Amino acid sequence: MRIRPYRDSDHEAVGEICVRTADAGGDSRHIYPDHRLMPSIFAWPYTYLEPDLAFVADDGERAVGYVLGTADTAAFVKAFRDQWLPRVSDRYPPPTGEPTSPSEVMIGLLHDPARMVVPELAAYPAHLHIDLLPEHQRSGHGRALMNAFLTALRDKGVPGVHLGMLSVNTGARAFYDRLGFHELAVPNAGPLTYLGLEIGPNARFGD
């Protein structure tokens, strides 16, 4: 297994990884019939807008895991609205009423990128998503992906990074705790727990 920068040829593999891990770390294909929906919200906007912060775990044949994100959440939200939404709005038009299915809930999130800007997280301007296919988890690949991503943030001078995770995903929480993330107090977070990590200019990852 090697960790390398994202390439355009990884597009479909990244989408599959996203779909197969989008149900609190498990396969979401039975929940969202359109298998391009979840990647269009949580994966492909990042590879399109900030490909220099996308890394994949490559098993020698294809990508089997990824980490991706943004160095500046506020700037990303603007780019998402101005550059990404026009690319997908024909397939996923803005909702016109209360959602009646899990897919409609997600389409609502797609059209509300401002939800990503949370005042309590201002000291941690970067954010990330990391996913590995189940058969490649718990083998050190997640840590290697995080090392690559965090090093890239450090080299950009980013002071901190945050993430939002489903609170029920206790396995993911243990992983982030081992990496040094700590819980951030965010009122009315619903099913999410927010975690943050400070990144100093001399921070070392993977040493």
N, C-alpha and C. Protein backbone atom coordinates (compact mmCIF):
# COMPACT_ATOMS: atom_id res chain seq x y z
N MET A 1 0.85 -1.20 0.00
CA MET A 1 0.00 0.00 0.00
C MET A 1 0.88 1.24 0.00
N ARG A 2 0.55 2.19 -0.83
CA ARG A 2 1.28 3.46 -0.80
C ARG A 2 0.29 4.61 -0.76
N ILE A 3 0.71 5.69 -0.14
CA ILE A 3 -0.07 6.91 -0.07
C ILE A 3 0.48 7.86 -1.13
N ARG A 4 -0.39 8.37 -1.95
CA ARG A 4 0.06 9.26 -3.03
C ARG A 4 -0.99 10.36 -3.26
N PRO A 5 -0.59 11.41 -3.98
CA PRO A 5 -1.57 12.46 -4.30
C PRO A 5 -2.69 11.93 -5.20
N TYR A 6 -3.84 12.51 -5.06
CA TYR A 6 -4.99 12.20 -5.91
C TYR A 6 -4.68 12.50 -7.36
N ARG A 7 -5.21 11.66 -8.26
CA ARG A 7 -5.13 11.89 -9.70
C ARG A 7 -6.55 11.87 -10.27
N ASP A 8 -6.74 12.53 -11.40
CA ASP A 8 -8.07 12.56 -12.02
C ASP A 8 -8.61 11.15 -12.28
N SER A 9 -7.72 10.21 -12.55
CA SER A 9 -8.14 8.84 -12.81
C SER A 9 -8.70 8.14 -11.58
N ASP A 10 -8.56 8.75 -10.40
CA ASP A 10 -9.10 8.18 -9.15
C ASP A 10 -10.55 8.59 -8.92
N HIS A 11 -11.12 9.40 -9.81
CA HIS A 11 -12.44 9.99 -9.57
C HIS A 11 -13.50 8.96 -9.20
N GLU A 12 -13.67 7.94 -10.02
CA GLU A 12 -14.72 6.95 -9.76
C GLU A 12 -14.41 6.11 -8.53
N ALA A 13 -13.15 5.77 -8.31
CA ALA A 13 -12.79 5.00 -7.12
C ALA A 13 -13.09 5.78 -5.85
N VAL A 14 -12.80 7.07 -5.86
CA VAL A 14 -13.11 7.92 -4.70
C VAL A 14 -14.61 7.94 -4.47
N GLY A 15 -15.39 8.04 -5.54
CA GLY A 15 -16.84 8.01 -5.39
C GLY A 15 -17.33 6.71 -4.77
N GLU A 16 -16.77 5.60 -5.20
CA GLU A 16 -17.19 4.31 -4.65
C GLU A 16 -16.84 4.20 -3.17
N ILE A 17 -15.64 4.64 -2.81
CA ILE A 17 -15.23 4.61 -1.40
C ILE A 17 -16.19 5.43 -0.55
N CYS A 18 -16.55 6.60 -1.05
CA CYS A 18 -17.48 7.46 -0.32
C CYS A 18 -18.81 6.76 -0.09
N VAL A 19 -19.35 6.16 -1.13
CA VAL A 19 -20.65 5.49 -1.03
C VAL A 19 -20.59 4.31 -0.06
N ARG A 20 -19.51 3.56 -0.13
CA ARG A 20 -19.41 2.35 0.68
C ARG A 20 -19.05 2.62 2.14
N THR A 21 -18.85 3.89 2.49
CA THR A 21 -18.53 4.23 3.88
C THR A 21 -19.44 5.32 4.43
N ALA A 22 -20.46 5.73 3.68
CA ALA A 22 -21.25 6.91 4.03
C ALA A 22 -22.33 6.66 5.08
N ASP A 23 -22.56 5.42 5.46
CA ASP A 23 -23.54 5.13 6.51
C ASP A 23 -22.80 4.86 7.82
N ALA A 24 -22.34 5.94 8.45
CA ALA A 24 -21.57 5.84 9.71
C ALA A 24 -20.40 4.87 9.57
N GLY A 25 -19.74 4.92 8.43
CA GLY A 25 -18.61 4.05 8.16
C GLY A 25 -18.96 2.80 7.39
N GLY A 26 -20.26 2.55 7.18
CA GLY A 26 -20.71 1.36 6.46
C GLY A 26 -21.29 1.71 5.10
N ASP A 27 -21.69 0.69 4.37
CA ASP A 27 -22.19 0.83 3.01
C ASP A 27 -23.53 1.56 3.00
N SER A 28 -23.64 2.58 2.15
CA SER A 28 -24.87 3.38 2.10
C SER A 28 -25.70 3.13 0.85
N ARG A 29 -25.33 2.14 0.05
CA ARG A 29 -26.00 1.96 -1.24
C ARG A 29 -27.48 1.61 -1.09
N HIS A 30 -27.85 1.00 0.03
CA HIS A 30 -29.26 0.67 0.25
C HIS A 30 -30.08 1.86 0.72
N ILE A 31 -29.40 2.95 1.09
CA ILE A 31 -30.09 4.13 1.61
C ILE A 31 -30.29 5.18 0.52
N TYR A 32 -29.27 5.36 -0.31
CA TYR A 32 -29.31 6.40 -1.34
C TYR A 32 -29.23 5.73 -2.71
N PRO A 33 -30.35 5.61 -3.42
CA PRO A 33 -30.37 4.88 -4.70
C PRO A 33 -29.44 5.47 -5.76
N ASP A 34 -29.28 6.78 -5.75
CA ASP A 34 -28.36 7.42 -6.69
C ASP A 34 -26.97 7.40 -6.07
N HIS A 35 -26.11 6.56 -6.61
CA HIS A 35 -24.80 6.36 -5.99
C HIS A 35 -23.82 7.48 -6.29
N ARG A 36 -24.26 8.50 -6.98
CA ARG A 36 -23.42 9.68 -7.20
C ARG A 36 -23.76 10.81 -6.23
N LEU A 37 -24.81 10.64 -5.46
CA LEU A 37 -25.25 11.71 -4.58
C LEU A 37 -24.24 12.00 -3.47
N MET A 38 -23.88 11.00 -2.68
CA MET A 38 -23.00 11.25 -1.55
C MET A 38 -21.62 11.76 -1.98
N PRO A 39 -21.01 11.19 -3.03
CA PRO A 39 -19.73 11.77 -3.48
C PRO A 39 -19.87 13.21 -3.96
N SER A 40 -21.04 13.55 -4.50
CA SER A 40 -21.24 14.92 -4.98
C SER A 40 -21.31 15.93 -3.84
N ILE A 41 -21.52 15.45 -2.63
CA ILE A 41 -21.56 16.32 -1.45
C ILE A 41 -20.26 16.26 -0.67
N PHE A 42 -19.75 15.06 -0.46
CA PHE A 42 -18.69 14.86 0.53
C PHE A 42 -17.33 14.47 -0.04
N ALA A 43 -17.20 14.27 -1.33
CA ALA A 43 -15.90 13.85 -1.88
C ALA A 43 -15.50 14.68 -3.10
N TRP A 44 -16.28 14.60 -4.16
CA TRP A 44 -15.87 15.23 -5.42
C TRP A 44 -15.73 16.74 -5.37
N PRO A 45 -16.48 17.48 -4.54
CA PRO A 45 -16.21 18.92 -4.47
C PRO A 45 -14.78 19.23 -4.05
N TYR A 46 -14.22 18.40 -3.18
CA TYR A 46 -12.87 18.63 -2.69
C TYR A 46 -11.82 18.29 -3.75
N THR A 47 -12.01 17.17 -4.45
CA THR A 47 -11.04 16.83 -5.48
C THR A 47 -11.10 17.80 -6.65
N TYR A 48 -12.25 18.44 -6.83
CA TYR A 48 -12.39 19.42 -7.90
C TYR A 48 -11.82 20.78 -7.49
N LEU A 49 -12.12 21.22 -6.27
CA LEU A 49 -11.74 22.56 -5.84
C LEU A 49 -10.35 22.64 -5.20
N GLU A 50 -9.95 21.60 -4.49
CA GLU A 50 -8.64 21.61 -3.83
C GLU A 50 -7.93 20.26 -3.99
N PRO A 51 -7.60 19.90 -5.23
CA PRO A 51 -6.97 18.60 -5.45
C PRO A 51 -5.60 18.45 -4.79
N ASP A 52 -4.95 19.58 -4.47
CA ASP A 52 -3.64 19.49 -3.82
C ASP A 52 -3.75 19.03 -2.38
N LEU A 53 -4.97 18.99 -1.84
CA LEU A 53 -5.18 18.48 -0.48
C LEU A 53 -5.94 17.16 -0.49
N ALA A 54 -5.81 16.42 -1.58
CA ALA A 54 -6.46 15.09 -1.69
C ALA A 54 -5.37 14.04 -1.86
N PHE A 55 -5.44 13.01 -1.02
CA PHE A 55 -4.48 11.92 -1.06
C PHE A 55 -5.25 10.60 -1.04
N VAL A 56 -4.68 9.59 -1.69
CA VAL A 56 -5.34 8.28 -1.70
C VAL A 56 -4.37 7.20 -1.22
N ALA A 57 -4.96 6.14 -0.68
CA ALA A 57 -4.23 4.91 -0.39
C ALA A 57 -4.41 3.99 -1.59
N ASP A 58 -3.33 3.61 -2.22
CA ASP A 58 -3.33 2.84 -3.46
C ASP A 58 -2.81 1.43 -3.17
N ASP A 59 -3.63 0.41 -3.46
CA ASP A 59 -3.22 -0.96 -3.18
C ASP A 59 -2.43 -1.60 -4.31
N GLY A 60 -2.04 -0.80 -5.29
CA GLY A 60 -1.32 -1.31 -6.44
C GLY A 60 -2.19 -1.45 -7.66
N GLU A 61 -3.50 -1.42 -7.46
CA GLU A 61 -4.44 -1.51 -8.57
C GLU A 61 -5.35 -0.30 -8.64
N ARG A 62 -5.75 0.22 -7.47
CA ARG A 62 -6.66 1.36 -7.46
C ARG A 62 -6.68 1.99 -6.08
N ALA A 63 -7.32 3.13 -5.98
CA ALA A 63 -7.49 3.78 -4.68
C ALA A 63 -8.48 2.99 -3.83
N VAL A 64 -8.12 2.74 -2.59
CA VAL A 64 -9.00 2.02 -1.66
C VAL A 64 -9.31 2.86 -0.42
N GLY A 65 -8.78 4.07 -0.37
CA GLY A 65 -9.04 5.00 0.71
C GLY A 65 -8.61 6.38 0.30
N TYR A 66 -9.10 7.38 1.02
CA TYR A 66 -8.72 8.75 0.70
C TYR A 66 -8.81 9.62 1.95
N VAL A 67 -8.11 10.73 1.87
CA VAL A 67 -8.33 11.86 2.76
C VAL A 67 -8.36 13.09 1.87
N LEU A 68 -9.30 13.97 2.14
CA LEU A 68 -9.42 15.18 1.35
C LEU A 68 -10.05 16.26 2.22
N GLY A 69 -9.89 17.50 1.79
CA GLY A 69 -10.43 18.58 2.60
C GLY A 69 -10.05 19.93 2.04
N THR A 70 -10.11 20.92 2.90
CA THR A 70 -9.81 22.29 2.52
C THR A 70 -8.96 22.94 3.59
N ALA A 71 -8.14 23.89 3.17
CA ALA A 71 -7.33 24.64 4.11
C ALA A 71 -8.10 25.78 4.75
N ASP A 72 -9.18 26.23 4.10
CA ASP A 72 -9.93 27.40 4.55
C ASP A 72 -11.41 27.15 4.29
N THR A 73 -12.14 26.79 5.34
CA THR A 73 -13.53 26.39 5.17
C THR A 73 -14.38 27.52 4.60
N ALA A 74 -14.19 28.74 5.07
CA ALA A 74 -15.00 29.86 4.58
C ALA A 74 -14.79 30.08 3.09
N ALA A 75 -13.54 30.04 2.65
CA ALA A 75 -13.26 30.21 1.22
C ALA A 75 -13.80 29.03 0.42
N PHE A 76 -13.74 27.85 0.99
CA PHE A 76 -14.26 26.65 0.32
C PHE A 76 -15.77 26.76 0.12
N VAL A 77 -16.47 27.26 1.11
CA VAL A 77 -17.92 27.40 1.00
C VAL A 77 -18.28 28.31 -0.16
N LYS A 78 -17.55 29.41 -0.32
CA LYS A 78 -17.82 30.31 -1.44
C LYS A 78 -17.55 29.62 -2.77
N ALA A 79 -16.43 28.91 -2.87
CA ALA A 79 -16.10 28.21 -4.11
C ALA A 79 -17.11 27.10 -4.38
N PHE A 80 -17.55 26.41 -3.34
CA PHE A 80 -18.56 25.37 -3.47
C PHE A 80 -19.83 25.95 -4.10
N ARG A 81 -20.27 27.08 -3.57
CA ARG A 81 -21.49 27.71 -4.05
C ARG A 81 -21.33 28.24 -5.48
N ASP A 82 -20.18 28.87 -5.76
CA ASP A 82 -20.00 29.53 -7.05
C ASP A 82 -19.54 28.59 -8.16
N GLN A 83 -18.75 27.58 -7.80
CA GLN A 83 -18.13 26.74 -8.83
C GLN A 83 -18.66 25.31 -8.86
N TRP A 84 -18.98 24.75 -7.68
CA TRP A 84 -19.39 23.35 -7.65
C TRP A 84 -20.89 23.17 -7.87
N LEU A 85 -21.72 23.92 -7.18
CA LEU A 85 -23.16 23.74 -7.30
C LEU A 85 -23.66 23.86 -8.74
N PRO A 86 -23.15 24.81 -9.53
CA PRO A 86 -23.63 24.86 -10.92
C PRO A 86 -23.35 23.58 -11.72
N ARG A 87 -22.35 22.81 -11.29
CA ARG A 87 -22.02 21.58 -12.01
C ARG A 87 -22.98 20.43 -11.70
N VAL A 88 -23.66 20.50 -10.55
CA VAL A 88 -24.48 19.36 -10.12
C VAL A 88 -25.95 19.71 -9.93
N SER A 89 -26.31 20.97 -10.07
CA SER A 89 -27.69 21.38 -9.77
C SER A 89 -28.70 20.83 -10.77
N ASP A 90 -28.29 20.56 -11.99
CA ASP A 90 -29.23 19.95 -12.94
C ASP A 90 -29.64 18.56 -12.48
N ARG A 91 -28.68 17.81 -11.96
CA ARG A 91 -28.96 16.46 -11.48
C ARG A 91 -29.68 16.49 -10.13
N TYR A 92 -29.29 17.47 -9.29
CA TYR A 92 -29.86 17.58 -7.95
C TYR A 92 -30.39 19.00 -7.76
N PRO A 93 -31.59 19.29 -8.25
CA PRO A 93 -32.13 20.64 -8.09
C PRO A 93 -32.39 20.98 -6.63
N PRO A 94 -32.41 22.26 -6.30
CA PRO A 94 -32.68 22.66 -4.91
C PRO A 94 -34.03 22.13 -4.44
N PRO A 95 -34.11 21.71 -3.18
CA PRO A 95 -35.39 21.21 -2.66
C PRO A 95 -36.43 22.32 -2.59
N THR A 96 -37.69 21.93 -2.74
CA THR A 96 -38.78 22.92 -2.73
C THR A 96 -39.71 22.76 -1.53
N GLY A 97 -39.47 21.78 -0.71
CA GLY A 97 -40.32 21.57 0.46
C GLY A 97 -39.59 20.75 1.49
N GLU A 98 -40.33 20.26 2.47
CA GLU A 98 -39.73 19.41 3.50
C GLU A 98 -39.26 18.09 2.88
N PRO A 99 -38.10 17.60 3.28
CA PRO A 99 -37.61 16.34 2.71
C PRO A 99 -38.49 15.16 3.09
N THR A 100 -38.65 14.23 2.15
CA THR A 100 -39.48 13.05 2.38
C THR A 100 -38.68 11.76 2.27
N SER A 101 -37.36 11.87 2.09
CA SER A 101 -36.53 10.68 1.98
C SER A 101 -35.11 11.04 2.42
N PRO A 102 -34.29 10.05 2.73
CA PRO A 102 -32.90 10.34 3.08
C PRO A 102 -32.16 11.08 1.96
N SER A 103 -32.47 10.74 0.71
CA SER A 103 -31.81 11.43 -0.40
C SER A 103 -32.16 12.91 -0.42
N GLU A 104 -33.43 13.23 -0.16
CA GLU A 104 -33.82 14.64 -0.16
C GLU A 104 -33.17 15.40 1.00
N VAL A 105 -32.96 14.74 2.11
CA VAL A 105 -32.23 15.36 3.21
C VAL A 105 -30.82 15.74 2.75
N MET A 106 -30.17 14.81 2.06
CA MET A 106 -28.80 15.06 1.60
C MET A 106 -28.75 16.14 0.52
N ILE A 107 -29.73 16.17 -0.35
CA ILE A 107 -29.77 17.22 -1.38
C ILE A 107 -29.95 18.58 -0.71
N GLY A 108 -30.68 18.63 0.38
CA GLY A 108 -30.78 19.86 1.14
C GLY A 108 -29.43 20.30 1.67
N LEU A 109 -28.62 19.36 2.16
CA LEU A 109 -27.28 19.69 2.63
C LEU A 109 -26.41 20.18 1.48
N LEU A 110 -26.53 19.54 0.33
CA LEU A 110 -25.76 19.95 -0.84
C LEU A 110 -25.98 21.43 -1.15
N HIS A 111 -27.22 21.87 -1.04
CA HIS A 111 -27.54 23.26 -1.40
C HIS A 111 -27.41 24.23 -0.23
N ASP A 112 -26.83 23.76 0.86
CA ASP A 112 -26.63 24.62 2.03
C ASP A 112 -25.17 24.57 2.48
N PRO A 113 -24.23 24.95 1.60
CA PRO A 113 -22.82 24.86 2.00
C PRO A 113 -22.46 25.75 3.18
N ALA A 114 -23.25 26.81 3.41
CA ALA A 114 -22.96 27.70 4.54
C ALA A 114 -23.00 26.98 5.88
N ARG A 115 -23.64 25.80 5.93
CA ARG A 115 -23.70 25.02 7.17
C ARG A 115 -22.31 24.65 7.66
N MET A 116 -21.32 24.66 6.74
CA MET A 116 -19.96 24.27 7.10
C MET A 116 -19.23 25.34 7.89
N VAL A 117 -19.72 26.57 7.85
CA VAL A 117 -19.08 27.65 8.59
C VAL A 117 -19.71 27.74 9.98
N VAL A 118 -18.98 27.29 10.98
CA VAL A 118 -19.45 27.25 12.36
C VAL A 118 -18.56 28.18 13.18
N PRO A 119 -19.11 29.23 13.77
CA PRO A 119 -18.27 30.21 14.47
C PRO A 119 -17.34 29.60 15.50
N GLU A 120 -17.79 28.59 16.21
CA GLU A 120 -16.97 27.98 17.26
C GLU A 120 -15.73 27.28 16.72
N LEU A 121 -15.66 27.09 15.41
CA LEU A 121 -14.54 26.37 14.80
C LEU A 121 -13.56 27.30 14.11
N ALA A 122 -13.70 28.61 14.32
CA ALA A 122 -12.90 29.59 13.58
C ALA A 122 -11.40 29.40 13.78
N ALA A 123 -10.99 28.92 14.95
CA ALA A 123 -9.56 28.72 15.21
C ALA A 123 -9.01 27.49 14.49
N TYR A 124 -9.89 26.72 13.87
CA TYR A 124 -9.51 25.50 13.15
C TYR A 124 -10.07 25.61 11.73
N PRO A 125 -9.50 26.48 10.89
CA PRO A 125 -10.13 26.83 9.61
C PRO A 125 -10.18 25.71 8.59
N ALA A 126 -9.28 24.76 8.66
CA ALA A 126 -9.30 23.64 7.72
C ALA A 126 -10.31 22.59 8.19
N HIS A 127 -10.80 21.78 7.25
CA HIS A 127 -11.56 20.60 7.65
C HIS A 127 -11.28 19.46 6.68
N LEU A 128 -11.67 18.27 7.05
CA LEU A 128 -11.29 17.09 6.28
C LEU A 128 -12.37 16.02 6.30
N HIS A 129 -12.24 15.10 5.34
CA HIS A 129 -12.99 13.84 5.31
C HIS A 129 -11.99 12.73 5.01
N ILE A 130 -12.08 11.64 5.74
CA ILE A 130 -11.21 10.49 5.49
C ILE A 130 -12.05 9.23 5.49
N ASP A 131 -11.82 8.36 4.51
CA ASP A 131 -12.56 7.11 4.42
C ASP A 131 -11.68 6.03 3.79
N LEU A 132 -11.82 4.83 4.31
CA LEU A 132 -11.15 3.64 3.78
C LEU A 132 -12.17 2.54 3.61
N LEU A 133 -12.04 1.78 2.52
CA LEU A 133 -12.91 0.61 2.38
C LEU A 133 -12.73 -0.30 3.58
N PRO A 134 -13.80 -0.95 4.04
CA PRO A 134 -13.73 -1.73 5.29
C PRO A 134 -12.60 -2.74 5.33
N GLU A 135 -12.32 -3.40 4.22
CA GLU A 135 -11.29 -4.43 4.22
C GLU A 135 -9.88 -3.86 4.36
N HIS A 136 -9.74 -2.56 4.28
CA HIS A 136 -8.42 -1.92 4.42
C HIS A 136 -8.32 -1.07 5.67
N GLN A 137 -9.30 -1.14 6.54
CA GLN A 137 -9.26 -0.40 7.79
C GLN A 137 -8.46 -1.16 8.85
N ARG A 138 -8.08 -0.41 9.88
CA ARG A 138 -7.34 -0.98 11.01
C ARG A 138 -6.04 -1.65 10.59
N SER A 139 -5.39 -1.06 9.57
CA SER A 139 -4.10 -1.60 9.11
C SER A 139 -3.03 -0.51 9.03
N GLY A 140 -3.29 0.64 9.64
CA GLY A 140 -2.33 1.73 9.63
C GLY A 140 -2.45 2.68 8.45
N HIS A 141 -3.34 2.36 7.50
CA HIS A 141 -3.45 3.20 6.30
C HIS A 141 -4.13 4.53 6.61
N GLY A 142 -5.08 4.51 7.55
CA GLY A 142 -5.73 5.76 7.92
C GLY A 142 -4.75 6.74 8.53
N ARG A 143 -3.90 6.27 9.39
CA ARG A 143 -2.89 7.14 9.99
C ARG A 143 -1.94 7.68 8.93
N ALA A 144 -1.55 6.84 7.98
CA ALA A 144 -0.65 7.30 6.92
C ALA A 144 -1.31 8.37 6.06
N LEU A 145 -2.60 8.19 5.76
CA LEU A 145 -3.32 9.21 5.01
C LEU A 145 -3.36 10.53 5.80
N MET A 146 -3.68 10.44 7.07
CA MET A 146 -3.74 11.64 7.89
C MET A 146 -2.39 12.33 7.98
N ASN A 147 -1.33 11.56 8.07
CA ASN A 147 0.00 12.16 8.12
C ASN A 147 0.27 13.00 6.86
N ALA A 148 -0.11 12.47 5.70
CA ALA A 148 0.10 13.19 4.44
C ALA A 148 -0.72 14.48 4.42
N PHE A 149 -1.97 14.39 4.84
CA PHE A 149 -2.85 15.55 4.80
C PHE A 149 -2.41 16.62 5.80
N LEU A 150 -2.11 16.21 7.02
CA LEU A 150 -1.72 17.17 8.04
C LEU A 150 -0.39 17.84 7.70
N THR A 151 0.52 17.10 7.10
CA THR A 151 1.79 17.69 6.67
C THR A 151 1.54 18.75 5.60
N ALA A 152 0.63 18.47 4.68
CA ALA A 152 0.30 19.45 3.64
C ALA A 152 -0.31 20.71 4.25
N LEU A 153 -1.17 20.55 5.25
CA LEU A 153 -1.74 21.72 5.93
C LEU A 153 -0.65 22.51 6.64
N ARG A 154 0.23 21.83 7.33
CA ARG A 154 1.33 22.51 8.03
C ARG A 154 2.16 23.33 7.04
N ASP A 155 2.45 22.73 5.89
CA ASP A 155 3.28 23.41 4.91
C ASP A 155 2.58 24.63 4.31
N LYS A 156 1.26 24.68 4.39
CA LYS A 156 0.50 25.84 3.95
C LYS A 156 0.33 26.89 5.06
N GLY A 157 0.84 26.58 6.25
CA GLY A 157 0.73 27.51 7.36
C GLY A 157 -0.64 27.53 8.03
N VAL A 158 -1.40 26.44 7.88
CA VAL A 158 -2.74 26.37 8.47
C VAL A 158 -2.61 26.10 9.97
N PRO A 159 -3.29 26.88 10.83
CA PRO A 159 -3.09 26.72 12.28
C PRO A 159 -3.86 25.58 12.91
N GLY A 160 -4.92 25.11 12.26
CA GLY A 160 -5.71 24.05 12.87
C GLY A 160 -6.72 23.48 11.90
N VAL A 161 -7.17 22.27 12.20
CA VAL A 161 -8.12 21.56 11.36
C VAL A 161 -9.22 20.97 12.22
N HIS A 162 -10.42 20.91 11.68
CA HIS A 162 -11.53 20.28 12.40
C HIS A 162 -12.23 19.27 11.51
N LEU A 163 -13.08 18.49 12.13
CA LEU A 163 -13.93 17.55 11.41
C LEU A 163 -15.20 17.35 12.21
N GLY A 164 -16.24 16.98 11.50
CA GLY A 164 -17.50 16.61 12.15
C GLY A 164 -17.77 15.14 11.90
N MET A 165 -18.04 14.40 12.93
CA MET A 165 -18.29 12.97 12.78
C MET A 165 -19.58 12.61 13.49
N LEU A 166 -20.23 11.57 13.00
CA LEU A 166 -21.41 11.06 13.68
C LEU A 166 -21.00 10.53 15.05
N SER A 167 -21.67 10.98 16.06
CA SER A 167 -21.29 10.61 17.42
C SER A 167 -21.39 9.10 17.66
N VAL A 168 -22.25 8.42 16.90
CA VAL A 168 -22.41 6.97 17.10
C VAL A 168 -21.23 6.18 16.56
N ASN A 169 -20.37 6.81 15.77
CA ASN A 169 -19.25 6.10 15.15
C ASN A 169 -18.08 6.06 16.14
N THR A 170 -18.19 5.19 17.12
CA THR A 170 -17.20 5.16 18.20
C THR A 170 -15.82 4.69 17.72
N GLY A 171 -15.80 3.86 16.68
CA GLY A 171 -14.52 3.41 16.15
C GLY A 171 -13.73 4.57 15.56
N ALA A 172 -14.43 5.43 14.82
CA ALA A 172 -13.76 6.60 14.25
C ALA A 172 -13.28 7.53 15.36
N ARG A 173 -14.09 7.69 16.40
CA ARG A 173 -13.69 8.58 17.49
C ARG A 173 -12.40 8.09 18.14
N ALA A 174 -12.27 6.80 18.35
CA ALA A 174 -11.05 6.26 18.95
C ALA A 174 -9.84 6.53 18.05
N PHE A 175 -10.03 6.44 16.74
CA PHE A 175 -8.96 6.72 15.79
C PHE A 175 -8.50 8.17 15.91
N TYR A 176 -9.44 9.10 15.92
CA TYR A 176 -9.07 10.51 16.01
C TYR A 176 -8.44 10.84 17.35
N ASP A 177 -8.92 10.22 18.40
CA ASP A 177 -8.32 10.45 19.72
C ASP A 177 -6.84 10.05 19.71
N ARG A 178 -6.54 8.93 19.06
CA ARG A 178 -5.15 8.48 19.01
C ARG A 178 -4.26 9.46 18.25
N LEU A 179 -4.85 10.20 17.31
CA LEU A 179 -4.09 11.16 16.53
C LEU A 179 -3.93 12.50 17.25
N GLY A 180 -4.59 12.66 18.38
CA GLY A 180 -4.46 13.89 19.15
C GLY A 180 -5.59 14.88 18.98
N PHE A 181 -6.64 14.52 18.26
CA PHE A 181 -7.80 15.40 18.14
C PHE A 181 -8.52 15.49 19.48
N HIS A 182 -9.16 16.63 19.72
CA HIS A 182 -9.93 16.79 20.94
C HIS A 182 -11.30 17.36 20.59
N GLU A 183 -12.25 17.15 21.47
CA GLU A 183 -13.62 17.57 21.21
C GLU A 183 -13.75 19.08 21.32
N LEU A 184 -14.53 19.66 20.40
CA LEU A 184 -14.79 21.09 20.38
C LEU A 184 -16.25 21.32 20.72
N ALA A 185 -16.52 22.26 21.59
CA ALA A 185 -17.89 22.53 22.02
C ALA A 185 -18.62 23.33 20.95
N VAL A 186 -19.63 22.72 20.37
CA VAL A 186 -20.47 23.38 19.37
C VAL A 186 -21.92 23.17 19.78
N PRO A 187 -22.64 24.24 20.13
CA PRO A 187 -24.04 24.09 20.54
C PRO A 187 -24.90 23.56 19.40
N ASN A 188 -25.91 22.81 19.76
CA ASN A 188 -26.91 22.33 18.79
C ASN A 188 -26.27 21.58 17.62
N ALA A 189 -25.30 20.73 17.94
CA ALA A 189 -24.60 19.96 16.90
C ALA A 189 -25.39 18.76 16.43
N GLY A 190 -26.50 18.46 17.08
CA GLY A 190 -27.32 17.33 16.64
C GLY A 190 -26.57 16.02 16.76
N PRO A 191 -26.57 15.21 15.69
CA PRO A 191 -25.93 13.90 15.77
C PRO A 191 -24.42 13.94 15.61
N LEU A 192 -23.86 15.14 15.46
CA LEU A 192 -22.43 15.26 15.19
C LEU A 192 -21.64 15.59 16.43
N THR A 193 -20.40 15.14 16.43
CA THR A 193 -19.39 15.59 17.38
C THR A 193 -18.29 16.25 16.56
N TYR A 194 -17.86 17.43 16.98
CA TYR A 194 -16.79 18.14 16.30
C TYR A 194 -15.49 17.95 17.06
N LEU A 195 -14.44 17.66 16.30
CA LEU A 195 -13.11 17.46 16.85
C LEU A 195 -12.14 18.41 16.18
N GLY A 196 -11.10 18.82 16.89
CA GLY A 196 -10.12 19.73 16.33
C GLY A 196 -8.70 19.32 16.68
N LEU A 197 -7.77 19.79 15.86
CA LEU A 197 -6.34 19.55 16.09
C LEU A 197 -5.58 20.81 15.73
N GLU A 198 -4.76 21.30 16.66
CA GLU A 198 -3.90 22.44 16.37
C GLU A 198 -2.68 21.96 15.59
N ILE A 199 -2.24 22.80 14.64
CA ILE A 199 -1.10 22.45 13.79
C ILE A 199 -0.06 23.56 13.93
N GLY A 200 1.00 23.29 14.65
CA GLY A 200 2.06 24.27 14.80
C GLY A 200 3.01 24.27 13.62
N PRO A 201 3.80 25.32 13.44
CA PRO A 201 4.71 25.40 12.29
C PRO A 201 5.80 24.34 12.32
N ASN A 202 6.09 23.81 13.50
CA ASN A 202 7.13 22.78 13.62
C ASN A 202 6.56 21.39 13.86
N ALA A 203 5.25 21.25 13.65
CA ALA A 203 4.62 19.95 13.89
C ALA A 203 5.20 18.90 12.95
N ARG A 204 5.33 17.71 13.46
CA ARG A 204 5.82 16.58 12.67
C ARG A 204 4.79 15.47 12.71
N PHE A 205 4.52 14.89 11.57
CA PHE A 205 3.52 13.83 11.49
C PHE A 205 4.17 12.60 10.87
N GLY A 206 3.94 11.47 11.50
CA GLY A 206 4.47 10.23 10.98
C GLY A 206 5.89 9.96 11.35
N ASP A 207 6.49 10.80 12.22
CA ASP A 207 7.87 10.57 12.65
C ASP A 207 7.94 9.43 13.66
